Amino acid sequence: METWLGGEMNRTGQTSLVAKGSGTAYKSTIMRCSVSDRPALEDWALENRRWDIFGNTLSKDVVRDVVDCTKEPPPGVKVEFITNVNVRK
């Protein structure tokens, strides 16, 4: 069902569909990021004073901030944006 709803939203250019009494289908986009080249990322973090990108895991918030500002991820970071279709009743 989500696949069909997503196709309809893409076809009509909408980001949500409402069916009275049934619920709302809407799109949400998530970002996945992973380190693909650690030395390149460490060099970038040092050069840009962005050590906050490191913790126990790669900081998705910092990566999103960099992507929002520069339109590209830091060197050595692989980013994927995945759009899901959700249904809320």
C-alpha atoms as a PDB file:
ATOM      1  CA  MET A   1       0.000   0.000   0.000  1.00  0.00           C
ATOM      2  CA  GLU A   2       2.830   2.426   0.890  1.00  0.00           C
ATOM      3  CA  THR A   3       4.398   1.837  -2.532  1.00  0.00           C
ATOM      4  CA  TRP A   4       1.174   2.734  -4.331  1.00  0.00           C
ATOM      5  CA  LEU A   5       0.612   5.798  -2.117  1.00  0.00           C
ATOM      6  CA  GLY A   6       4.207   6.937  -2.732  1.00  0.00           C
ATOM      7  CA  GLY A   7       3.704   6.541  -6.473  1.00  0.00           C
ATOM      8  CA  GLU A   8       0.508   8.605  -6.357  1.00  0.00           C
ATOM      9  CA  MET A   9       2.227  11.346  -4.373  1.00  0.00           C
ATOM     10  CA  ASN A  10       5.119  11.395  -6.853  1.00  0.00           C
ATOM     11  CA  ARG A  11       2.730  11.406  -9.831  1.00  0.00           C
ATOM     12  CA  THR A  12       0.662  14.304  -8.472  1.00  0.00           C
ATOM     13  CA  GLY A  13       3.557  16.231  -6.900  1.00  0.00           C
ATOM     14  CA  GLN A  14       2.063  16.047  -3.408  1.00  0.00           C
ATOM     15  CA  THR A  15       3.830  15.319  -0.138  1.00  0.00           C
ATOM     16  CA  SER A  16       0.719  13.988   1.605  1.00  0.00           C
ATOM     17  CA  LEU A  17      -2.670  12.466   0.849  1.00  0.00           C
ATOM     18  CA  VAL A  18      -5.696  12.634   3.150  1.00  0.00           C
ATOM     19  CA  ALA A  19      -8.567  10.139   3.079  1.00  0.00           C
ATOM     20  CA  LYS A  20     -11.452  11.176   5.316  1.00  0.00           C
ATOM     21  CA  GLY A  21     -12.039   8.548   7.963  1.00  0.00           C
ATOM     22  CA  SER A  22      -8.994   6.518   6.907  1.00  0.00           C
ATOM     23  CA  GLY A  23      -5.985   8.669   7.755  1.00  0.00           C
ATOM     24  CA  THR A  24      -3.126  10.571   6.177  1.00  0.00           C
ATOM     25  CA  ALA A  25      -0.258   9.268   4.092  1.00  0.00           C
ATOM     26  CA  TYR A  26       2.823  11.470   4.112  1.00  0.00           C
ATOM     27  CA  LYS A  27       6.450  11.378   3.046  1.00  0.00           C
ATOM     28  CA  SER A  28       9.368  11.727   5.414  1.00  0.00           C
ATOM     29  CA  THR A  29      13.034  11.850   4.452  1.00  0.00           C
ATOM     30  CA  ILE A  30      15.789  10.476   6.631  1.00  0.00           C
ATOM     31  CA  MET A  31      19.519  10.902   6.235  1.00  0.00           C
ATOM     32  CA  ARG A  32      21.950   8.034   6.684  1.00  0.00           C
ATOM     33  CA  CYS A  33      25.651   8.776   6.872  1.00  0.00           C
ATOM     34  CA  SER A  34      28.761   6.678   7.321  1.00  0.00           C
ATOM     35  CA  VAL A  35      32.516   7.202   7.216  1.00  0.00           C
ATOM     36  CA  SER A  36      33.942   6.075   3.890  1.00  0.00           C
ATOM     37  CA  ASP A  37      37.439   7.620   4.234  1.00  0.00           C
ATOM     38  CA  ARG A  38      38.464   8.271   7.843  1.00  0.00           C
ATOM     39  CA  PRO A  39      41.795  10.043   7.089  1.00  0.00           C
ATOM     40  CA  ALA A  40      40.046  12.482   4.719  1.00  0.00           C
ATOM     41  CA  LEU A  41      37.359  13.151   7.318  1.00  0.00           C
ATOM     42  CA  GLU A  42      39.953  13.692  10.073  1.00  0.00           C
ATOM     43  CA  ASP A  43      41.872  16.141   7.841  1.00  0.00           C
ATOM     44  CA  TRP A  44      38.639  18.042   7.110  1.00  0.00           C
ATOM     45  CA  ALA A  45      37.648  18.101  10.798  1.00  0.00           C
ATOM     46  CA  LEU A  46      41.059  19.466  11.798  1.00  0.00           C
ATOM     47  CA  GLU A  47      41.070  22.090   9.023  1.00  0.00           C
ATOM     48  CA  ASN A  48      37.509  23.232   9.832  1.00  0.00           C
ATOM     49  CA  ARG A  49      37.707  22.817  13.628  1.00  0.00           C
ATOM     50  CA  ARG A  50      34.688  20.494  13.566  1.00  0.00           C
ATOM     51  CA  TRP A  51      35.744  17.814  16.043  1.00  0.00           C
ATOM     52  CA  ASP A  52      32.104  17.728  17.124  1.00  0.00           C
ATOM     53  CA  ILE A  53      31.531  15.447  14.152  1.00  0.00           C
ATOM     54  CA  PHE A  54      33.128  12.648  16.171  1.00  0.00           C
ATOM     55  CA  GLY A  55      31.734  10.868  19.202  1.00  0.00           C
ATOM     56  CA  ASN A  56      30.939   7.224  19.744  1.00  0.00           C
ATOM     57  CA  THR A  57      29.474   7.407  16.250  1.00  0.00           C
ATOM     58  CA  LEU A  58      29.503   9.929  13.430  1.00  0.00           C
ATOM     59  CA  SER A  59      27.304  12.890  14.410  1.00  0.00           C
ATOM     60  CA  LYS A  60      24.416  12.998  11.947  1.00  0.00           C
ATOM     61  CA  ASP A  61      23.464  16.467  13.255  1.00  0.00           C
ATOM     62  CA  VAL A  62      26.884  17.867  12.373  1.00  0.00           C
ATOM     63  CA  VAL A  63      26.846  16.179   8.958  1.00  0.00           C
ATOM     64  CA  ARG A  64      23.376  17.639   8.280  1.00  0.00           C
ATOM     65  CA  ASP A  65      24.628  21.104   9.333  1.00  0.00           C
ATOM     66  CA  VAL A  66      27.555  20.835   6.911  1.00  0.00           C
ATOM     67  CA  VAL A  67      25.324  19.554   4.083  1.00  0.00           C
ATOM     68  CA  ASP A  68      22.810  22.359   4.712  1.00  0.00           C
ATOM     69  CA  CYS A  69      25.584  24.985   4.600  1.00  0.00           C
ATOM     70  CA  THR A  70      27.760  23.662   1.774  1.00  0.00           C
ATOM     71  CA  LYS A  71      25.337  21.401  -0.172  1.00  0.00           C
ATOM     72  CA  GLU A  72      27.817  18.529   0.148  1.00  0.00           C
ATOM     73  CA  PRO A  73      29.013  16.256   2.951  1.00  0.00           C
ATOM     74  CA  PRO A  74      32.468  16.506   4.495  1.00  0.00           C
ATOM     75  CA  PRO A  75      35.181  14.562   2.665  1.00  0.00           C
ATOM     76  CA  GLY A  76      35.189  10.921   3.665  1.00  0.00           C
ATOM     77  CA  VAL A  77      31.492  10.826   4.571  1.00  0.00           C
ATOM     78  CA  LYS A  78      28.919   8.915   2.531  1.00  0.00           C
ATOM     79  CA  VAL A  79      25.385  10.337   2.785  1.00  0.00           C
ATOM     80  CA  GLU A  80      22.111   8.810   1.602  1.00  0.00           C
ATOM     81  CA  PHE A  81      18.688  10.424   1.764  1.00  0.00           C
ATOM     82  CA  ILE A  82      15.840   7.927   1.969  1.00  0.00           C
ATOM     83  CA  THR A  83      12.207   8.916   1.541  1.00  0.00           C
ATOM     84  CA  ASN A  84       9.630   6.827   3.360  1.00  0.00           C
ATOM     85  CA  VAL A  85       5.868   6.840   3.008  1.00  0.00           C
ATOM     86  CA  ASN A  86       4.107   6.747   6.384  1.00  0.00           C
ATOM     87  CA  VAL A  87       0.424   6.325   7.146  1.00  0.00           C
ATOM     88  CA  ARG A  88      -1.136   7.964  10.209  1.00  0.00           C
ATOM     89  CA  LYS A  89      -4.668   6.977  11.181  1.00  0.00           C
END
